[in-house]
Amino acid sequence: MQSSVILASENNLEKYYEPFDKYHSSLFDKLPVIGSLRKFQKLQRQCAAVLKNILNMCKSENQKLQTQIALWTYTDSE
């Protein structure tokens, strides 16, 4: 899947996120302060992994595009 398709709509991003959604609430999450922090940290790591995946996808697409532009420029200059 291309990053532009994933980021085109909230629905597409949600579908992409589903396999990464491994957080399950536990008994510790119900503790007043510690539980909230623990839950926040787990969700933050999960979201960071998804964003890192999308960023790597964007980097890869960018490299392919730059290579293609270089090829087009080279063939047009001949």
PDB file of N, CA and C in Angstrom:
ATOM      1  N   MET A   1       0.849  -1.176   0.000  1.00  0.00           N
ATOM      2  CA  MET A   1       0.000   0.000   0.000  1.00  0.00           C
ATOM      3  C   MET A   1       0.899   1.245   0.000  1.00  0.00           C
ATOM      4  N   GLN A   2       0.508   2.253  -0.733  1.00  0.00           N
ATOM      5  CA  GLN A   2       1.285   3.489  -0.795  1.00  0.00           C
ATOM      6  C   GLN A   2       0.895   4.424   0.347  1.00  0.00           C
ATOM      7  N   SER A   3       1.867   5.216   0.778  1.00  0.00           N
ATOM      8  CA  SER A   3       1.623   6.125   1.893  1.00  0.00           C
ATOM      9  C   SER A   3       0.541   7.149   1.562  1.00  0.00           C
ATOM     10  N   SER A   4       0.485   7.590   0.307  1.00  0.00           N
ATOM     11  CA  SER A   4      -0.532   8.581  -0.057  1.00  0.00           C
ATOM     12  C   SER A   4      -1.944   8.019   0.095  1.00  0.00           C
ATOM     13  N   VAL A   5      -2.098   6.733  -0.167  1.00  0.00           N
ATOM     14  CA  VAL A   5      -3.408   6.082  -0.022  1.00  0.00           C
ATOM     15  C   VAL A   5      -3.763   5.968   1.461  1.00  0.00           C
ATOM     16  N   ILE A   6      -2.779   5.593   2.271  1.00  0.00           N
ATOM     17  CA  ILE A   6      -3.008   5.447   3.710  1.00  0.00           C
ATOM     18  C   ILE A   6      -3.397   6.781   4.330  1.00  0.00           C
ATOM     19  N   LEU A   7      -2.687   7.836   3.945  1.00  0.00           N
ATOM     20  CA  LEU A   7      -2.908   9.147   4.548  1.00  0.00           C
ATOM     21  C   LEU A   7      -4.030   9.943   3.885  1.00  0.00           C
ATOM     22  N   ALA A   8      -4.647   9.398   2.862  1.00  0.00           N
ATOM     23  CA  ALA A   8      -5.698  10.112   2.139  1.00  0.00           C
ATOM     24  C   ALA A   8      -6.969  10.303   2.972  1.00  0.00           C
ATOM     25  N   SER A   9      -7.241   9.342   3.837  1.00  0.00           N
ATOM     26  CA  SER A   9      -8.449   9.472   4.648  1.00  0.00           C
ATOM     27  C   SER A   9      -8.241   8.834   6.017  1.00  0.00           C
ATOM     28  N   GLU A  10      -9.052   9.257   6.929  1.00  0.00           N
ATOM     29  CA  GLU A  10      -8.991   8.720   8.290  1.00  0.00           C
ATOM     30  C   GLU A  10      -9.339   7.237   8.298  1.00  0.00           C
ATOM     31  N   ASN A  11     -10.258   6.845   7.457  1.00  0.00           N
ATOM     32  CA  ASN A  11     -10.691   5.459   7.363  1.00  0.00           C
ATOM     33  C   ASN A  11      -9.539   4.558   6.892  1.00  0.00           C
ATOM     34  N   ASN A  12      -8.792   5.015   5.880  1.00  0.00           N
ATOM     35  CA  ASN A  12      -7.660   4.229   5.387  1.00  0.00           C
ATOM     36  C   ASN A  12      -6.573   4.091   6.454  1.00  0.00           C
ATOM     37  N   LEU A  13      -6.319   5.165   7.175  1.00  0.00           N
ATOM     38  CA  LEU A  13      -5.328   5.124   8.249  1.00  0.00           C
ATOM     39  C   LEU A  13      -5.769   4.163   9.351  1.00  0.00           C
ATOM     40  N   GLU A  14      -7.031   4.169   9.648  1.00  0.00           N
ATOM     41  CA  GLU A  14      -7.572   3.266  10.668  1.00  0.00           C
ATOM     42  C   GLU A  14      -7.409   1.807  10.245  1.00  0.00           C
ATOM     43  N   LYS A  15      -7.676   1.515   8.970  1.00  0.00           N
ATOM     44  CA  LYS A  15      -7.507   0.152   8.455  1.00  0.00           C
ATOM     45  C   LYS A  15      -6.043  -0.272   8.521  1.00  0.00           C
ATOM     46  N   TYR A  16      -5.136   0.654   8.197  1.00  0.00           N
ATOM     47  CA  TYR A  16      -3.704   0.358   8.248  1.00  0.00           C
ATOM     48  C   TYR A  16      -3.252   0.123   9.693  1.00  0.00           C
ATOM     49  N   TYR A  17      -3.839   0.844  10.627  1.00  0.00           N
ATOM     50  CA  TYR A  17      -3.456   0.784  12.041  1.00  0.00           C
ATOM     51  C   TYR A  17      -3.907  -0.512  12.722  1.00  0.00           C
ATOM     52  N   GLU A  18      -4.980  -1.112  12.242  1.00  0.00           N
ATOM     53  CA  GLU A  18      -5.583  -2.278  12.902  1.00  0.00           C
ATOM     54  C   GLU A  18      -4.593  -3.394  13.240  1.00  0.00           C
ATOM     55  N   PRO A  19      -3.721  -3.822  12.334  1.00  0.00           N
ATOM     56  CA  PRO A  19      -2.788  -4.904  12.700  1.00  0.00           C
ATOM     57  C   PRO A  19      -1.803  -4.511  13.810  1.00  0.00           C
ATOM     58  N   PHE A  20      -1.555  -3.229  13.974  1.00  0.00           N
ATOM     59  CA  PHE A  20      -0.640  -2.754  15.010  1.00  0.00           C
ATOM     60  C   PHE A  20      -1.335  -2.606  16.367  1.00  0.00           C
ATOM     61  N   ASP A  21      -2.645  -2.626  16.367  1.00  0.00           N
ATOM     62  CA  ASP A  21      -3.422  -2.381  17.581  1.00  0.00           C
ATOM     63  C   ASP A  21      -3.404  -3.609  18.479  1.00  0.00           C
ATOM     64  N   LYS A  22      -2.342  -3.721  19.271  1.00  0.00           N
ATOM     65  CA  LYS A  22      -2.169  -4.891  20.126  1.00  0.00           C
ATOM     66  C   LYS A  22      -2.376  -4.571  21.605  1.00  0.00           C
ATOM     67  N   TYR A  23      -2.753  -3.353  21.914  1.00  0.00           N
ATOM     68  CA  TYR A  23      -2.923  -2.964  23.309  1.00  0.00           C
ATOM     69  C   TYR A  23      -4.221  -3.543  23.862  1.00  0.00           C
ATOM     70  N   HIS A  24      -4.088  -4.204  25.003  1.00  0.00           N
ATOM     71  CA  HIS A  24      -5.255  -4.728  25.700  1.00  0.00           C
ATOM     72  C   HIS A  24      -5.228  -4.195  27.122  1.00  0.00           C
ATOM     73  N   SER A  25      -6.323  -3.698  27.554  1.00  0.00           N
ATOM     74  CA  SER A  25      -6.432  -3.133  28.893  1.00  0.00           C
ATOM     75  C   SER A  25      -6.195  -4.217  29.937  1.00  0.00           C
ATOM     76  N   SER A  26      -5.552  -3.820  31.025  1.00  0.00           N
ATOM     77  CA  SER A  26      -5.298  -4.771  32.108  1.00  0.00           C
ATOM     78  C   SER A  26      -5.779  -4.178  33.436  1.00  0.00           C
ATOM     79  N   LEU A  27      -5.669  -4.960  34.445  1.00  0.00           N
ATOM     80  CA  LEU A  27      -6.085  -4.546  35.776  1.00  0.00           C
ATOM     81  C   LEU A  27      -5.257  -3.355  36.273  1.00  0.00           C
ATOM     82  N   PHE A  28      -3.966  -3.318  35.911  1.00  0.00           N
ATOM     83  CA  PHE A  28      -3.091  -2.228  36.326  1.00  0.00           C
ATOM     84  C   PHE A  28      -3.523  -0.886  35.741  1.00  0.00           C
ATOM     85  N   ASP A  29      -4.173  -0.913  34.599  1.00  0.00           N
ATOM     86  CA  ASP A  29      -4.606   0.332  33.946  1.00  0.00           C
ATOM     87  C   ASP A  29      -5.694   1.054  34.732  1.00  0.00           C
ATOM     88  N   LYS A  30      -6.300   0.359  35.647  1.00  0.00           N
ATOM     89  CA  LYS A  30      -7.376   0.966  36.440  1.00  0.00           C
ATOM     90  C   LYS A  30      -6.854   1.726  37.664  1.00  0.00           C
ATOM     91  N   LEU A  31      -5.551   1.591  37.951  1.00  0.00           N
ATOM     92  CA  LEU A  31      -4.951   2.332  39.058  1.00  0.00           C
ATOM     93  C   LEU A  31      -4.951   3.821  38.717  1.00  0.00           C
ATOM     94  N   PRO A  32      -5.219   4.684  39.693  1.00  0.00           N
ATOM     95  CA  PRO A  32      -5.408   6.112  39.427  1.00  0.00           C
ATOM     96  C   PRO A  32      -4.321   6.790  38.591  1.00  0.00           C
ATOM     97  N   VAL A  33      -3.115   6.865  39.061  1.00  0.00           N
ATOM     98  CA  VAL A  33      -2.077   7.606  38.343  1.00  0.00           C
ATOM     99  C   VAL A  33      -1.212   6.678  37.512  1.00  0.00           C
ATOM    100  N   ILE A  34      -0.751   5.624  38.126  1.00  0.00           N
ATOM    101  CA  ILE A  34       0.157   4.692  37.463  1.00  0.00           C
ATOM    102  C   ILE A  34      -0.513   4.030  36.264  1.00  0.00           C
ATOM    103  N   GLY A  35      -1.760   3.679  36.422  1.00  0.00           N
ATOM    104  CA  GLY A  35      -2.489   3.027  35.338  1.00  0.00           C
ATOM    105  C   GLY A  35      -2.613   3.904  34.112  1.00  0.00           C
ATOM    106  N   SER A  36      -2.918   5.169  34.320  1.00  0.00           N
ATOM    107  CA  SER A  36      -3.046   6.099  33.197  1.00  0.00           C
ATOM    108  C   SER A  36      -1.718   6.274  32.478  1.00  0.00           C
ATOM    109  N   LEU A  37      -0.646   6.416  33.249  1.00  0.00           N
ATOM    110  CA  LEU A  37       0.677   6.571  32.647  1.00  0.00           C
ATOM    111  C   LEU A  37       1.092   5.328  31.877  1.00  0.00           C
ATOM    112  N   ARG A  38       0.836   4.183  32.459  1.00  0.00           N
ATOM    113  CA  ARG A  38       1.184   2.909  31.811  1.00  0.00           C
ATOM    114  C   ARG A  38       0.425   2.749  30.494  1.00  0.00           C
ATOM    115  N   LYS A  39      -0.851   3.034  30.531  1.00  0.00           N
ATOM    116  CA  LYS A  39      -1.681   2.926  29.332  1.00  0.00           C
ATOM    117  C   LYS A  39      -1.192   3.910  28.268  1.00  0.00           C
ATOM    118  N   PHE A  40      -0.904   5.123  28.689  1.00  0.00           N
ATOM    119  CA  PHE A  40      -0.422   6.147  27.760  1.00  0.00           C
ATOM    120  C   PHE A  40       0.891   5.712  27.110  1.00  0.00           C
ATOM    121  N   GLN A  41       1.812   5.163  27.891  1.00  0.00           N
ATOM    122  CA  GLN A  41       3.104   4.730  27.356  1.00  0.00           C
ATOM    123  C   GLN A  41       2.943   3.610  26.336  1.00  0.00           C
ATOM    124  N   LYS A  42       2.086   2.664  26.634  1.00  0.00           N
ATOM    125  CA  LYS A  42       1.866   1.553  25.697  1.00  0.00           C
ATOM    126  C   LYS A  42       1.254   2.051  24.385  1.00  0.00           C
ATOM    127  N   LEU A  43       0.259   2.915  24.491  1.00  0.00           N
ATOM    128  CA  LEU A  43      -0.368   3.447  23.285  1.00  0.00           C
ATOM    129  C   LEU A  43       0.598   4.333  22.502  1.00  0.00           C
ATOM    130  N   GLN A  44       1.427   5.069  23.220  1.00  0.00           N
ATOM    131  CA  GLN A  44       2.404   5.933  22.567  1.00  0.00           C
ATOM    132  C   GLN A  44       3.416   5.095  21.776  1.00  0.00           C
ATOM    133  N   ARG A  45       3.894   3.995  22.353  1.00  0.00           N
ATOM    134  CA  ARG A  45       4.828   3.106  21.639  1.00  0.00           C
ATOM    135  C   ARG A  45       4.164   2.505  20.403  1.00  0.00           C
ATOM    136  N   GLN A  46       2.923   2.127  20.562  1.00  0.00           N
ATOM    137  CA  GLN A  46       2.173   1.537  19.453  1.00  0.00           C
ATOM    138  C   GLN A  46       2.022   2.544  18.313  1.00  0.00           C
ATOM    139  N   CYS A  47       1.647   3.763  18.631  1.00  0.00           N
ATOM    140  CA  CYS A  47       1.486   4.810  17.617  1.00  0.00           C
ATOM    141  C   CYS A  47       2.829   5.172  16.981  1.00  0.00           C
ATOM    142  N   ALA A  48       3.884   5.201  17.774  1.00  0.00           N
ATOM    143  CA  ALA A  48       5.215   5.495  17.245  1.00  0.00           C
ATOM    144  C   ALA A  48       5.639   4.443  16.229  1.00  0.00           C
ATOM    145  N   ALA A  49       5.323   3.194  16.491  1.00  0.00           N
ATOM    146  CA  ALA A  49       5.662   2.122  15.552  1.00  0.00           C
ATOM    147  C   ALA A  49       4.926   2.302  14.230  1.00  0.00           C
ATOM    148  N   VAL A  50       3.655   2.675  14.294  1.00  0.00           N
ATOM    149  CA  VAL A  50       2.869   2.889  13.077  1.00  0.00           C
ATOM    150  C   VAL A  50       3.433   4.071  12.289  1.00  0.00           C
ATOM    151  N   LEU A  51       3.712   5.170  12.979  1.00  0.00           N
ATOM    152  CA  LEU A  51       4.252   6.346  12.305  1.00  0.00           C
ATOM    153  C   LEU A  51       5.624   6.080  11.702  1.00  0.00           C
ATOM    154  N   LYS A  52       6.441   5.309  12.399  1.00  0.00           N
ATOM    155  CA  LYS A  52       7.757   4.959  11.875  1.00  0.00           C
ATOM    156  C   LYS A  52       7.624   4.106  10.617  1.00  0.00           C
ATOM    157  N   ASN A  53       6.666   3.202  10.608  1.00  0.00           N
ATOM    158  CA  ASN A  53       6.400   2.377   9.429  1.00  0.00           C
ATOM    159  C   ASN A  53       5.992   3.239   8.236  1.00  0.00           C
ATOM    160  N   ILE A  54       5.095   4.173   8.475  1.00  0.00           N
ATOM    161  CA  ILE A  54       4.639   5.057   7.398  1.00  0.00           C
ATOM    162  C   ILE A  54       5.787   5.945   6.916  1.00  0.00           C
ATOM    163  N   LEU A  55       6.613   6.435   7.838  1.00  0.00           N
ATOM    164  CA  LEU A  55       7.758   7.248   7.459  1.00  0.00           C
ATOM    165  C   LEU A  55       8.733   6.458   6.594  1.00  0.00           C
ATOM    166  N   ASN A  56       9.005   5.222   6.963  1.00  0.00           N
ATOM    167  CA  ASN A  56       9.882   4.379   6.147  1.00  0.00           C
ATOM    168  C   ASN A  56       9.295   4.133   4.764  1.00  0.00           C
ATOM    169  N   MET A  57       7.980   3.978   4.712  1.00  0.00           N
ATOM    170  CA  MET A  57       7.305   3.811   3.427  1.00  0.00           C
ATOM    171  C   MET A  57       7.479   5.065   2.579  1.00  0.00           C
ATOM    172  N   CYS A  58       7.316   6.233   3.195  1.00  0.00           N
ATOM    173  CA  CYS A  58       7.488   7.509   2.483  1.00  0.00           C
ATOM    174  C   CYS A  58       8.925   7.665   1.976  1.00  0.00           C
ATOM    175  N   LYS A  59       9.895   7.287   2.808  1.00  0.00           N
ATOM    176  CA  LYS A  59      11.297   7.374   2.414  1.00  0.00           C
ATOM    177  C   LYS A  59      11.571   6.497   1.198  1.00  0.00           C
ATOM    178  N   SER A  60      11.050   5.298   1.228  1.00  0.00           N
ATOM    179  CA  SER A  60      11.235   4.365   0.116  1.00  0.00           C
ATOM    180  C   SER A  60      10.597   4.904  -1.165  1.00  0.00           C
ATOM    181  N   GLU A  61       9.386   5.411  -1.046  1.00  0.00           N
ATOM    182  CA  GLU A  61       8.699   5.977  -2.210  1.00  0.00           C
ATOM    183  C   GLU A  61       9.457   7.189  -2.747  1.00  0.00           C
ATOM    184  N   ASN A  62       9.992   8.002  -1.854  1.00  0.00           N
ATOM    185  CA  ASN A  62      10.757   9.176  -2.253  1.00  0.00           C
ATOM    186  C   ASN A  62      12.013   8.776  -3.022  1.00  0.00           C
ATOM    187  N   GLN A  63      12.721   7.764  -2.546  1.00  0.00           N
ATOM    188  CA  GLN A  63      13.923   7.297  -3.231  1.00  0.00           C
ATOM    189  C   GLN A  63      13.593   6.788  -4.630  1.00  0.00           C
ATOM    190  N   LYS A  64      12.505   6.022  -4.745  1.00  0.00           N
ATOM    191  CA  LYS A  64      12.098   5.514  -6.056  1.00  0.00           C
ATOM    192  C   LYS A  64      11.746   6.664  -6.997  1.00  0.00           C
ATOM    193  N   LEU A  65      11.050   7.664  -6.470  1.00  0.00           N
ATOM    194  CA  LEU A  65      10.653   8.812  -7.278  1.00  0.00           C
ATOM    195  C   LEU A  65      11.872   9.610  -7.729  1.00  0.00           C
ATOM    196  N   GLN A  66      12.829   9.835  -6.829  1.00  0.00           N
ATOM    197  CA  GLN A  66      14.035  10.563  -7.191  1.00  0.00           C
ATOM    198  C   GLN A  66      14.833   9.828  -8.264  1.00  0.00           C
ATOM    199  N   THR A  67      14.908   8.512  -8.154  1.00  0.00           N
ATOM    200  CA  THR A  67      15.598   7.707  -9.166  1.00  0.00           C
ATOM    201  C   THR A  67      14.902   7.839 -10.512  1.00  0.00           C
ATOM    202  N   GLN A  68      13.572   7.758 -10.493  1.00  0.00           N
ATOM    203  CA  GLN A  68      12.806   7.861 -11.732  1.00  0.00           C
ATOM    204  C   GLN A  68      12.967   9.244 -12.368  1.00  0.00           C
ATOM    205  N   ILE A  69      12.952  10.294 -11.556  1.00  0.00           N
ATOM    206  CA  ILE A  69      13.128  11.662 -12.069  1.00  0.00           C
ATOM    207  C   ILE A  69      14.517  11.813 -12.674  1.00  0.00           C
ATOM    208  N   ALA A  70      15.522  11.246 -12.007  1.00  0.00           N
ATOM    209  CA  ALA A  70      16.888  11.307 -12.540  1.00  0.00           C
ATOM    210  C   ALA A  70      16.978  10.600 -13.884  1.00  0.00           C
ATOM    211  N   LEU A  71      16.322   9.456 -14.006  1.00  0.00           N
ATOM    212  CA  LEU A  71      16.319   8.731 -15.287  1.00  0.00           C
ATOM    213  C   LEU A  71      15.619   9.531 -16.376  1.00  0.00           C
ATOM    214  N   TRP A  72      14.489  10.144 -16.043  1.00  0.00           N
ATOM    215  CA  TRP A  72      13.769  10.946 -17.016  1.00  0.00           C
ATOM    216  C   TRP A  72      14.611  12.145 -17.460  1.00  0.00           C
ATOM    217  N   THR A  73      15.246  12.786 -16.493  1.00  0.00           N
ATOM    218  CA  THR A  73      16.076  13.951 -16.800  1.00  0.00           C
ATOM    219  C   THR A  73      17.234  13.554 -17.696  1.00  0.00           C
ATOM    220  N   TYR A  74      17.851  12.430 -17.400  1.00  0.00           N
ATOM    221  CA  TYR A  74      18.994  11.962 -18.190  1.00  0.00           C
ATOM    222  C   TYR A  74      18.578  11.628 -19.610  1.00  0.00           C
ATOM    223  N   THR A  75      17.454  10.920 -19.780  1.00  0.00           N
ATOM    224  CA  THR A  75      17.012  10.541 -21.127  1.00  0.00           C
ATOM    225  C   THR A  75      16.509  11.750 -21.914  1.00  0.00           C
ATOM    226  N   ASP A  76      15.958  12.742 -21.241  1.00  0.00           N
ATOM    227  CA  ASP A  76      15.483  13.936 -21.937  1.00  0.00           C
ATOM    228  C   ASP A  76      16.634  14.831 -22.391  1.00  0.00           C
ATOM    229  N   SER A  77      17.753  14.779 -21.689  1.00  0.00           N
ATOM    230  CA  SER A  77      18.888  15.656 -22.023  1.00  0.00           C
ATOM    231  C   SER A  77      19.706  15.118 -23.176  1.00  0.00           C
ATOM    232  N   GLU A  78      19.482  13.887 -23.585  1.00  0.00           N
ATOM    233  CA  GLU A  78      20.251  13.310 -24.690  1.00  0.00           C
ATOM    234  C   GLU A  78      19.732  13.714 -26.032  1.00  0.00           C
TER     235      GLU A  78
END
